[in-house]
Protein backbone atom coordinates (compact mmCIF):
# COMPACT_ATOMS: atom_id res chain seq x y z
CA UNK A 1 108.36 100.48 142.03
CA UNK A 2 108.57 97.35 144.31
CA UNK A 3 104.99 95.33 144.51
CA UNK A 4 106.02 94.92 148.26
CA UNK A 5 106.06 98.49 148.68
CA UNK A 6 102.71 98.43 146.26
CA UNK A 7 100.76 95.77 148.20
CA UNK A 8 97.17 96.40 149.59
CA UNK A 9 97.37 96.88 153.38
CA UNK A 10 95.09 93.83 153.93
CA UNK A 11 96.30 92.48 156.89
CA UNK A 12 94.69 92.66 160.37
CA UNK A 13 91.39 93.90 161.89
CA UNK A 14 90.01 96.91 160.23
CA UNK A 15 90.69 100.29 162.58
CA UNK A 16 87.62 102.29 161.61
CA UNK A 17 84.78 102.49 163.41
CA UNK A 18 82.17 102.97 160.50
CA UNK A 19 79.83 104.99 162.93
CA UNK A 20 79.57 107.64 160.01
CA UNK A 21 78.40 105.15 157.60
CA UNK A 22 76.13 102.86 159.81
CA UNK A 23 73.21 104.28 158.05
CA UNK A 24 74.14 102.20 155.24
CA UNK A 25 73.95 104.74 152.49
CA UNK A 26 76.98 105.14 152.16
CA UNK A 27 77.20 108.57 151.95
CA UNK A 28 77.20 109.91 155.90
CA UNK A 29 81.02 109.88 155.98
CA UNK A 30 81.12 112.88 153.44
CA UNK A 31 77.84 114.17 152.61
CA UNK A 32 75.53 113.99 149.24
CA UNK A 33 77.73 114.30 145.95
CA UNK A 34 80.51 112.48 148.06
CA UNK A 35 81.83 108.98 147.53
CA UNK A 36 83.75 106.60 150.44
CA UNK A 37 86.36 104.51 149.39
CA UNK A 38 88.66 101.58 151.50
CA UNK A 39 92.15 102.92 151.58
CA UNK A 40 95.01 102.30 153.91
CA UNK A 41 97.52 104.96 155.83
CA UNK A 42 100.55 106.17 153.77
CA UNK A 43 103.80 104.85 154.80
CA UNK A 44 105.15 108.10 154.67
CA UNK A 45 104.24 112.08 154.37
CA UNK A 46 102.47 112.97 151.39
CA UNK A 47 105.66 114.55 149.55
CA UNK A 48 105.38 113.62 145.62
CA UNK A 49 109.17 112.84 146.04
CA UNK A 50 108.68 110.47 149.14
CA UNK A 51 105.79 108.26 148.22
CA UNK A 52 106.37 105.08 146.57
CA UNK A 53 103.27 102.93 147.63
CA UNK A 54 99.86 102.74 146.81
CA UNK A 55 97.88 104.23 149.52
CA UNK A 56 99.77 107.33 149.12
CA UNK A 57 99.79 107.58 145.41
CA UNK A 58 95.99 107.16 145.02
CA UNK A 59 95.68 110.62 147.28
CA UNK A 60 98.85 112.24 145.05
CA UNK A 61 97.06 111.42 141.88
CA UNK A 62 93.72 113.38 143.43
CA UNK A 63 95.40 116.67 144.44
CA UNK A 64 98.51 116.95 142.06
CA UNK A 65 98.85 116.91 138.31
CA UNK A 66 102.59 117.34 136.22
CA UNK A 67 104.16 117.99 132.89
CA UNK A 68 102.37 114.40 131.90
CA UNK A 69 99.44 112.47 132.68
CA UNK A 70 98.89 108.99 131.80
CA UNK A 71 95.92 107.95 129.98
CA UNK A 72 93.65 106.15 132.66
CA UNK A 73 92.22 104.06 129.71
CA UNK A 74 95.37 103.68 127.38
CA UNK A 75 98.58 104.43 129.75
CA UNK A 76 99.90 106.63 127.22
CA UNK A 77 101.57 109.47 128.88
CA UNK A 78 99.94 112.96 127.72
CA UNK A 79 100.87 116.45 127.92
CA UNK A 80 98.98 117.77 130.86
CA UNK A 81 101.24 120.85 132.49
CA UNK A 82 103.64 120.82 129.60
CA UNK A 83 103.11 123.19 126.68
CA UNK A 84 105.92 120.81 125.27
CA UNK A 85 109.00 119.28 125.71
CA UNK A 86 111.66 119.50 123.03
CA UNK A 87 115.09 117.95 122.49
CA UNK A 88 117.42 117.61 119.53
CA UNK A 89 119.61 114.94 121.36
CA UNK A 90 117.79 113.00 123.87
CA UNK A 91 120.04 114.66 126.67
CA UNK A 92 119.27 118.11 126.44
CA UNK A 93 115.78 118.95 126.82
CA UNK A 94 113.03 122.42 127.25
CA UNK A 95 110.36 122.33 129.05
CA UNK A 96 107.45 125.16 128.92
CA UNK A 97 104.60 124.84 131.14
CA UNK A 98 101.36 125.98 130.48
CA UNK A 99 100.34 129.56 131.29
CA UNK A 100 96.82 129.60 133.73
CA UNK A 101 97.57 126.70 136.38
CA UNK A 102 97.78 127.58 139.90
CA UNK A 103 97.87 125.43 143.23
CA UNK A 104 94.43 125.36 144.74
CA UNK A 105 96.27 127.71 147.30
CA UNK A 106 96.13 130.58 144.21
CA UNK A 107 99.72 130.33 143.71
CA UNK A 108 100.90 130.38 140.49
CA UNK A 109 102.49 127.16 138.75
CA UNK A 110 105.81 128.30 136.83
CA UNK A 111 109.08 126.61 136.06
CA UNK A 112 110.31 127.21 139.06
CA UNK A 113 107.86 125.49 141.01
CA UNK A 114 109.13 122.18 139.16
CA UNK A 115 112.70 122.71 139.42
CA UNK A 116 112.82 123.51 143.25
CA UNK A 117 110.55 120.17 143.79
CA UNK A 118 112.93 118.23 141.86
CA UNK A 119 116.36 119.60 143.78
CA UNK A 120 114.34 119.03 147.04
CA UNK A 121 113.30 115.51 145.50
CA UNK A 122 117.08 114.97 144.63
CA UNK A 123 119.12 115.98 147.47
CA UNK A 124 120.07 113.10 149.53
CA UNK A 125 119.79 115.72 152.83
CA UNK A 126 116.23 115.58 152.60
CA UNK A 127 116.12 111.77 152.53
CA UNK A 128 113.06 111.12 149.60
CA UNK A 129 112.36 107.82 148.93
CA UNK A 130 111.88 108.33 145.13
CA UNK A 131 115.25 110.50 145.00
CA UNK A 132 116.31 107.67 142.24
CA UNK A 133 113.90 109.12 139.61
CA UNK A 134 116.25 112.38 139.26
CA UNK A 135 119.41 110.11 138.91
CA UNK A 136 119.37 110.56 134.87
CA UNK A 137 119.58 114.39 135.61
CA UNK A 138 123.27 115.59 135.65
CA UNK A 139 124.78 116.53 138.90
CA UNK A 140 122.86 113.93 140.63
CA UNK A 141 125.97 112.38 142.17
CA UNK A 142 126.84 115.74 143.70
CA UNK A 143 123.62 116.03 145.66
CA UNK A 144 122.61 112.47 146.01
CA UNK A 145 125.98 110.38 146.21
CA UNK A 146 126.46 106.79 146.91
CA UNK A 147 129.17 107.43 149.73
CA UNK A 148 129.76 110.72 151.52
CA UNK A 149 128.20 113.77 152.03
CA UNK A 150 126.62 115.82 148.94
CA UNK A 151 128.66 118.31 147.58
CA UNK A 152 125.88 120.54 145.97
CA UNK A 153 122.35 121.71 146.89
CA UNK A 154 120.88 121.72 143.52
CA UNK A 155 121.38 119.86 140.27
CA UNK A 156 123.54 121.37 138.10
CA UNK A 157 121.54 119.86 134.91
CA UNK A 158 118.51 122.01 135.88
CA UNK A 159 117.74 125.59 134.59
CA UNK A 160 115.20 128.13 134.93
CA UNK A 161 114.94 129.95 131.80
CA UNK A 162 111.89 132.01 132.18
CA UNK A 163 108.93 132.26 134.37
CA UNK A 164 106.81 129.28 132.55
CA UNK A 165 110.39 127.81 130.94
CA UNK A 166 113.00 125.46 132.29
CA UNK A 167 115.94 123.20 130.82
CA UNK A 168 117.10 119.70 131.46
CA UNK A 169 120.02 118.03 130.90
CA UNK A 170 120.78 114.34 131.43
CA UNK A 171 123.89 112.47 132.42
CA UNK A 172 123.42 110.07 129.33
CA UNK A 173 121.07 110.09 126.60
CA UNK A 174 117.31 108.69 127.44
CA UNK A 175 114.86 109.14 124.70
CA UNK A 176 112.00 108.52 126.50
CA UNK A 177 112.76 110.71 129.44
CA UNK A 178 109.42 112.77 129.09
CA UNK A 179 107.12 109.95 129.18
CA UNK A 180 108.55 109.33 132.79
CA UNK A 181 107.41 112.83 133.59
CA UNK A 182 103.57 111.85 134.70
CA UNK A 183 105.19 109.87 137.69
CA UNK A 184 104.53 111.79 140.89
CA UNK A 185 107.78 112.54 141.86
CA UNK A 186 108.23 114.88 139.45
CA UNK A 187 105.22 116.81 140.34
CA UNK A 188 105.33 120.94 141.21
CA UNK A 189 104.88 122.03 144.50
CA UNK A 190 104.25 125.55 145.96
CA UNK A 191 106.22 127.85 147.84
CA UNK A 192 104.38 126.93 151.14
CA UNK A 193 105.96 123.48 151.07
CA UNK A 194 109.11 125.08 151.77
CA UNK A 195 108.59 127.80 153.38
CA UNK A 196 105.97 125.91 156.30
CA UNK A 197 107.01 122.43 155.54
CA UNK A 198 105.56 120.85 158.27
CA UNK A 199 102.19 122.91 157.87
CA UNK A 200 102.08 121.69 154.22
CA UNK A 201 102.72 118.25 155.33
CA UNK A 202 99.89 118.54 157.72
CA UNK A 203 97.41 119.26 154.95
CA UNK A 204 99.53 119.08 151.12
CA UNK A 205 98.48 121.56 148.74
CA UNK A 206 98.45 120.52 144.98
CA UNK A 207 97.18 121.48 141.85
CA UNK A 208 94.60 118.30 141.05
CA UNK A 209 91.32 118.51 141.09
CA UNK A 210 90.99 117.64 144.56
CA UNK A 211 92.18 119.38 147.70
CA UNK A 212 92.27 117.91 151.25
CA UNK A 213 89.76 118.77 153.53
CA UNK A 214 90.83 116.53 156.53
CA UNK A 215 92.86 113.76 157.55
CA UNK A 216 92.41 111.48 160.71
CA UNK A 217 95.35 108.69 161.16
CA UNK A 218 94.28 105.35 161.09
CA UNK A 219 90.27 106.78 160.21
CA UNK A 220 89.81 109.05 157.60
CA UNK A 221 90.83 111.10 154.31
CA UNK A 222 88.28 113.67 153.15
CA UNK A 223 88.98 115.41 149.54
CA UNK A 224 86.59 117.72 148.19
CA UNK A 225 86.13 119.21 144.77
CA UNK A 226 88.49 121.76 144.12
CA UNK A 227 86.12 124.22 142.02
CA UNK A 228 88.47 126.63 140.54
CA UNK A 229 90.58 123.58 139.06
CA UNK A 230 91.68 124.94 135.28
CA UNK A 231 92.06 120.95 133.90
CA UNK A 232 89.72 119.46 131.68
CA UNK A 233 89.84 116.20 133.98
CA UNK A 234 87.47 118.08 136.54
CA UNK A 235 85.86 116.00 139.42
CA UNK A 236 82.53 114.69 138.41
CA UNK A 237 81.59 114.24 142.12
CA UNK A 238 81.71 116.71 144.90
CA UNK A 239 84.78 114.47 146.50
CA UNK A 240 86.17 111.57 148.52
CA UNK A 241 86.18 109.88 152.02
CA UNK A 242 88.72 107.41 151.83
CA UNK A 243 88.37 105.36 155.01
CA UNK A 244 91.38 103.23 156.32
CA UNK A 245 90.83 99.63 156.37
CA UNK A 246 93.42 97.05 156.93
CA UNK A 247 91.38 94.02 156.48
CA UNK A 248 89.72 94.15 152.35
CA UNK A 249 87.52 91.34 153.65
CA UNK A 250 85.50 93.85 156.00
CA UNK A 251 85.84 96.82 153.25
CA UNK A 252 84.04 93.95 150.65
CA UNK A 253 81.37 93.32 153.66
CA UNK A 254 80.69 97.05 153.96
CA UNK A 255 80.03 97.27 150.58
CA UNK A 256 77.40 94.78 150.63
CA UNK A 257 75.89 96.10 153.62
CA UNK A 258 75.97 99.78 152.21
CA UNK A 259 78.29 101.17 154.41
CA UNK A 260 81.21 101.82 151.82
CA UNK A 261 80.99 102.87 148.14
CA UNK A 262 83.70 101.48 146.34
CA UNK A 263 86.49 98.71 147.55
CA UNK A 264 89.26 98.84 144.86
CA UNK A 265 90.95 95.47 146.16
CA UNK A 266 88.53 92.20 146.09
CA UNK A 267 89.72 89.39 148.58
CA UNK A 268 90.24 85.86 146.97
CA UNK A 269 87.93 84.25 149.00
CA UNK A 270 84.96 86.63 147.67
CA UNK A 271 85.61 86.28 144.16
CA UNK A 272 83.70 83.08 143.59
CA UNK A 273 80.51 85.17 144.05
CA UNK A 274 81.42 88.92 143.43
CA UNK A 275 79.57 88.86 140.31
CA UNK A 276 76.41 87.81 142.16
CA UNK A 277 76.91 89.39 145.39
CA UNK A 278 77.32 92.80 143.49
CA UNK A 279 75.05 92.67 140.65
CA UNK A 280 77.50 93.34 137.98
CA UNK A 281 79.54 95.84 140.04
CA UNK A 282 82.30 94.61 139.85
CA UNK A 283 85.78 95.60 137.80
CA UNK A 284 88.56 92.97 136.83
CA UNK A 285 91.22 94.73 134.23
CA UNK A 286 94.60 94.55 133.31
CA UNK A 287 96.91 96.53 135.34
CA UNK A 288 100.94 97.13 135.15
CA UNK A 289 101.58 94.17 137.53
CA UNK A 290 103.79 91.46 137.49
CA UNK A 291 104.46 88.92 140.32
CA UNK A 292 107.89 87.23 140.12
CA UNK A 293 110.27 85.03 142.61
CA UNK A 294 113.67 86.88 142.86
CA UNK A 295 116.58 85.42 143.91
CA UNK A 296 120.28 86.11 145.95
CA UNK A 297 122.41 86.26 143.42
CA UNK A 298 125.01 87.25 146.27
CA UNK A 299 124.67 84.13 147.76
CA UNK A 300 127.23 82.13 145.22
CA UNK A 301 125.22 78.88 145.47
CA UNK A 302 122.36 80.66 143.37
CA UNK A 303 124.84 82.44 141.11
CA UNK A 304 126.32 79.65 138.82
CA UNK A 305 125.61 78.25 135.56
CA UNK A 306 124.17 74.96 137.42
CA UNK A 307 121.98 77.43 139.71
CA UNK A 308 120.74 79.07 136.00
CA UNK A 309 119.54 75.54 135.17
CA UNK A 310 117.86 74.77 138.51
CA UNK A 311 115.97 78.28 138.22
CA UNK A 312 115.00 77.61 135.04
CA UNK A 313 113.92 73.59 136.39
CA UNK A 314 111.96 75.64 139.19
CA UNK A 315 109.79 77.61 136.49
CA UNK A 316 108.68 74.62 134.64
CA UNK A 317 107.51 72.91 138.04
CA UNK A 318 104.93 76.20 138.81
CA UNK A 319 101.72 75.52 137.54
CA UNK A 320 100.50 78.91 136.50
CA UNK A 321 97.15 78.08 134.64
CA UNK A 322 96.03 76.14 137.76
CA UNK A 323 96.52 78.49 140.55
CA UNK A 324 95.55 81.50 138.52
CA UNK A 325 92.40 79.73 137.82
CA UNK A 326 91.92 77.84 141.54
CA UNK A 327 93.07 80.31 144.01
CA UNK A 328 92.65 83.86 141.83
CA UNK A 329 89.96 82.84 139.89
CA UNK A 330 90.67 84.75 136.71
CA UNK A 331 92.30 87.81 138.59
CA UNK A 332 95.76 86.92 137.68
CA UNK A 333 96.89 85.82 134.38
CA UNK A 334 100.08 82.99 133.67
CA UNK A 335 103.10 85.26 132.89
CA UNK A 336 104.74 84.51 129.78
CA UNK A 337 107.20 87.22 129.86
CA UNK A 338 108.97 90.05 132.25
CA UNK A 339 106.61 93.14 131.56
CA UNK A 340 102.68 93.27 131.19
CA UNK A 341 100.32 93.36 128.81
CA UNK A 342 99.23 96.86 129.38
CA UNK A 343 102.27 97.88 127.44
CA UNK A 344 100.69 96.54 124.60
CA UNK A 345 103.15 94.69 121.22
CA UNK A 346 104.58 98.02 120.32
CA UNK A 347 105.40 99.15 123.82
CA UNK A 348 107.55 95.94 124.38
CA UNK A 349 105.46 93.15 125.60
CA UNK A 350 106.11 89.98 123.95
CA UNK A 351 103.98 87.73 124.68
CA UNK A 352 105.55 84.05 125.04
CA UNK A 353 109.04 85.26 125.44
CA UNK A 354 109.07 82.93 128.27
CA UNK A 355 108.83 79.75 125.88
CA UNK A 356 108.63 76.40 127.07
CA UNK A 357 110.55 77.50 130.52
CA UNK A 358 107.19 79.05 131.77
CA UNK A 359 104.83 75.87 131.07
CA UNK A 360 104.21 73.73 133.53
CA UNK A 361 106.73 70.27 132.75
CA UNK A 362 107.33 68.19 135.79
CA UNK A 363 109.69 65.83 134.05
CA UNK A 364 111.50 68.41 132.37
CA UNK A 365 111.75 70.47 135.68
CA UNK A 366 113.20 67.32 137.14
CA UNK A 367 115.37 66.89 134.30
CA UNK A 368 116.94 70.29 134.93
CA UNK A 369 116.95 70.40 138.26
CA UNK A 370 119.26 67.60 138.45
CA UNK A 371 121.62 68.58 135.69
CA UNK A 372 122.07 71.89 137.94
CA UNK A 373 123.21 70.10 140.73
CA UNK A 374 119.99 70.20 142.91
CA UNK A 375 118.43 73.04 144.85
CA UNK A 376 120.97 74.99 146.80
CA UNK A 377 120.71 73.90 150.29
CA UNK A 378 118.50 70.80 149.74
CA UNK A 379 114.95 72.61 150.02
CA UNK A 380 113.68 75.51 148.77
CA UNK A 381 112.69 78.18 151.00
CA UNK A 382 110.32 80.94 149.68
CA UNK A 383 110.64 84.14 151.58
CA UNK A 384 107.36 86.18 151.66
CA UNK A 385 105.64 88.96 154.14
CA UNK A 386 103.01 87.30 156.24
CA UNK A 387 100.90 90.50 157.12
CA UNK A 388 99.26 89.98 153.47
CA UNK A 389 96.82 87.03 153.89
CA UNK A 390 97.09 86.24 150.06
CA UNK A 391 100.97 85.87 149.95
CA UNK A 392 100.42 82.59 151.87
CA UNK A 393 98.37 81.30 149.93
CA UNK A 394 99.83 81.48 146.60
CA UNK A 395 103.28 80.80 148.15
CA UNK A 396 101.85 77.71 149.11
CA UNK A 397 100.29 76.85 146.36
CA UNK A 398 103.49 77.24 144.30
CA UNK A 399 105.13 75.15 146.60
CA UNK A 400 102.36 72.47 146.45
CA UNK A 401 103.22 72.63 142.85
CA UNK A 402 106.96 72.12 142.76
CA UNK A 403 106.63 69.41 145.44
CA UNK A 404 104.34 67.52 143.45
CA UNK A 405 106.35 68.01 140.46
CA UNK A 406 109.43 66.72 141.89
CA UNK A 407 107.89 64.28 144.21
CA UNK A 408 109.04 65.21 147.43
CA UNK A 409 106.27 67.06 149.99
CA UNK A 410 109.19 68.99 151.69
CA UNK A 411 111.16 70.36 148.55
CA UNK A 412 109.40 73.52 149.01
CA UNK A 413 108.73 75.29 151.82
CA UNK A 414 107.19 78.97 152.73
CA UNK A 415 109.21 80.88 154.83
CA UNK A 416 107.16 83.88 156.48
CA UNK A 417 108.39 87.00 157.62
CA UNK A 418 106.00 88.65 160.18
CA UNK A 419 105.87 92.02 158.73
CA UNK A 420 106.40 94.01 155.38
CA UNK A 421 108.75 96.56 157.08
CA UNK A 422 111.04 93.41 158.85
CA UNK A 423 110.71 91.75 155.06
CA UNK A 424 112.56 94.49 153.48
CA UNK A 425 114.85 95.04 155.92
CA UNK A 426 116.08 91.34 155.16
CA UNK A 427 115.83 91.81 151.90
CA UNK A 428 117.81 95.35 152.18
CA UNK A 429 120.41 93.46 154.43
CA UNK A 430 120.98 90.58 151.50
CA UNK A 431 119.61 87.93 154.44
CA UNK A 432 117.32 86.29 151.54
CA UNK A 433 117.83 82.10 152.00
CA UNK A 434 116.20 81.41 148.71
CA UNK A 435 113.91 82.99 146.28
CA UNK A 436 111.42 85.55 147.50
CA UNK A 437 108.57 87.58 146.40
CA UNK A 438 108.88 90.31 144.19
CA UNK A 439 105.80 91.80 142.67
CA UNK A 440 106.38 94.99 140.62
CA UNK A 441 103.99 97.59 139.46
CA UNK A 442 104.92 99.72 137.25
CA UNK A 443 105.60 103.45 137.67
CA UNK A 444 105.33 104.73 134.77
CA UNK A 445 103.86 102.20 131.45
CA UNK A 446 107.47 102.08 129.73
CA UNK A 447 109.40 98.83 128.92
CA UNK A 448 112.36 100.49 130.69
CA UNK A 449 110.45 100.44 133.70
CA UNK A 450 110.04 96.62 134.14
CA UNK A 451 113.55 96.37 133.56
CA UNK A 452 116.49 98.79 133.96
CA UNK A 453 114.92 99.40 137.68
CA UNK A 454 115.19 95.48 138.83
CA UNK A 455 117.79 94.12 136.42
CA UNK A 456 120.49 96.68 135.98
CA UNK A 457 124.14 96.48 137.53
CA UNK A 458 123.07 98.54 140.69
CA UNK A 459 119.50 99.52 139.96
CA UNK A 460 117.76 100.74 143.00
CA UNK A 461 115.57 97.79 143.05
CA UNK A 462 117.59 95.03 141.85
CA UNK A 463 117.62 93.57 145.30
CA UNK A 464 118.91 90.05 143.96
CA UNK A 465 121.95 92.13 142.61
CA UNK A 466 122.05 90.16 139.62
CA UNK A 467 124.74 91.73 137.27
CA UNK A 468 125.01 91.05 133.51
CA UNK A 469 127.12 93.20 131.16
CA UNK A 470 125.45 92.37 127.71
CA UNK A 471 122.24 93.44 129.92
CA UNK A 472 123.32 96.52 130.86
CA UNK A 473 125.11 97.93 127.54
CA UNK A 474 121.67 96.72 125.57
CA UNK A 475 119.65 99.07 127.96
CA UNK A 476 122.27 101.65 127.90
CA UNK A 477 121.56 101.51 124.07
CA UNK A 478 118.22 101.89 124.22
CA UNK A 479 117.78 104.46 126.50
CA UNK A 480 120.08 106.50 123.92
CA UNK A 481 118.24 105.71 120.64
CA UNK A 482 116.52 108.66 119.28
CA UNK A 483 113.77 106.22 117.72
CA UNK A 484 111.03 104.70 119.67
CA UNK A 485 110.30 101.78 117.77
CA UNK A 486 114.20 100.95 118.11
CA UNK A 487 114.76 101.48 121.70
CA UNK A 488 111.88 99.19 122.10
CA UNK A 489 113.63 96.81 119.85
CA UNK A 490 116.75 97.03 122.05
CA UNK A 491 115.01 96.76 125.71
CA UNK A 492 113.06 93.75 123.77
CA UNK A 493 117.01 92.02 123.27
CA UNK A 494 117.74 93.12 127.12
CA UNK A 495 114.43 91.47 128.31
CA UNK A 496 116.08 88.50 126.06
CA UNK A 497 118.91 88.22 128.56
CA UNK A 498 116.83 88.19 131.22
CA UNK A 499 115.11 85.17 130.01
CA UNK A 500 117.99 83.37 128.84
CA UNK A 501 119.38 83.54 132.56
CA UNK A 502 116.08 83.02 134.27
CA UNK A 503 117.04 86.25 136.21
CA UNK A 504 113.70 86.09 137.90
CA UNK A 505 111.14 83.57 137.63
CA UNK A 506 107.90 85.20 136.24
CA UNK A 507 104.88 83.92 138.03
CA UNK A 508 101.39 86.36 136.69
CA UNK A 509 100.08 89.57 135.69
CA UNK A 510 98.09 90.91 137.89
CA UNK A 511 94.38 92.50 137.27
CA UNK A 512 93.31 95.47 139.17
CA UNK A 513 89.94 94.95 140.82
CA UNK A 514 87.02 96.58 142.46
CA UNK A 515 83.42 96.12 143.86
CA UNK A 516 81.16 99.22 144.11
CA UNK A 517 77.94 100.09 145.75
CA UNK A 518 74.59 101.03 143.65
CA UNK A 519 75.10 104.91 144.17
CA UNK A 520 78.30 105.20 141.78
CA UNK A 521 78.49 104.95 138.15
CA UNK A 522 81.25 105.61 135.52
CA UNK A 523 83.69 103.43 137.78
CA UNK A 524 87.03 102.54 136.16
CA UNK A 525 90.32 101.34 137.22
CA UNK A 526 93.37 103.32 135.36
CA UNK A 527 96.31 100.22 133.91
CA UNK A 528 98.05 100.99 137.47
CA UNK A 529 94.91 99.51 139.06
CA UNK A 530 93.63 102.71 141.02
CA UNK A 531 89.82 104.29 140.84
CA UNK A 532 89.93 106.79 138.57
CA UNK A 533 88.17 108.87 141.22
CA UNK A 534 87.49 111.99 139.47
CA UNK A 535 85.34 110.11 136.66
CA UNK A 536 82.89 108.40 139.29
CA UNK A 537 79.13 109.84 139.65
CA UNK A 538 77.22 109.62 142.93
CA UNK A 539 73.82 108.97 142.90
């Protein structure tokens, strides 16, 4: 997922009148055993295939369970509703769904619950933001063509073969396909989603450990523990009240005052004193999030051999260690590759892959930029959305570092765009005048997810339109490889091509951060930086 799409909603003033929690106990918004947590209104209705940002994802992670679930500590994909997923060729898969699972309305979860949901998500007619996740399945080009009208209503690669079994045929080999099935787009859906869609959207029904009790847009969502939940990961509290904030400083202050139990995005301005303020009730853990600077390769000036040297020189002009230490106070780590440490070495993380190109070297930076013909246009403009305060801070810091390295206080300037929506629209229209912020939060913990969506020719999140045949061939080979270790090794080779061309400048790995009240215990963040709500105890 695009990091921008996942960005915390932290601009403006708080929009929730906290009268319900003014008692200072943090329990008034939900009652005994219910925790309160900061939140932001989802961008879209809470359809699994239409949610690709953190706020909506938090809710869906509580009310849905899929074939796989990512371990909240290790990130590994483990079977949840999947009894088994078998393949002999990494192209044809047989899925067996566990018996005994129901939705919270009592309807049984069957193979058809998955197949109908996936067909809905893939269809161009339904305009789902996560449709491209079904792109590997045979027939996607018919139900979701790049141009023209769709010529089929269902994916030819999906077939129900029994009450609890279905088959999946992919258009190409993809050995890691089963590990992607913990992503929310692949969640099952009850019949009510299709028979009374408007009613379902107003109060979604899932099969997870919580169910939605109420939702008032701009205010709060109340979720309650589902007592009949059949899974092992049952809720250890009575429910969660998600309270809408658009300023994480206000949320943090409310935690200190006892008016809120949990803030899962500690603002940079509070990091200096957070450990003292919260008496140790502070979490700072690695997450699968990478911040980069992407480039507009559709602009010929940025797509030359000389520009490659300029991009590498700019990377060497950024003092990552100083910025992460002084601005982010250890909640970011200087990036040395284009993935994330949460993958681990076996998962493909290559510490130090970037090499000297990610070291701060002002003299080397000046030399390479000069050899490459200088910055296109004479001045570097880094574009970002201004409705999140932290982006201005770090963009200014990056520009200051570049200006110091190049000995020119106007060599680099920030180029703010008012809102995230306008920012994304300009990116989609290929209007970027230079590098632009391009954070990425993993959809699932595979090296493939850090590389293919961002750098493969024509990929869904390849916003700069970078294209390299060698990279594409290596990715295709990696996807077709049935041996996991060999597949990872091929993806690592592909990442080497990204490095050699400096297709994007890696800046830092982002940690998840959270602060919580004395009412809570067993608080943790998963590798996606989302609280593991079902494990939190209250009181």
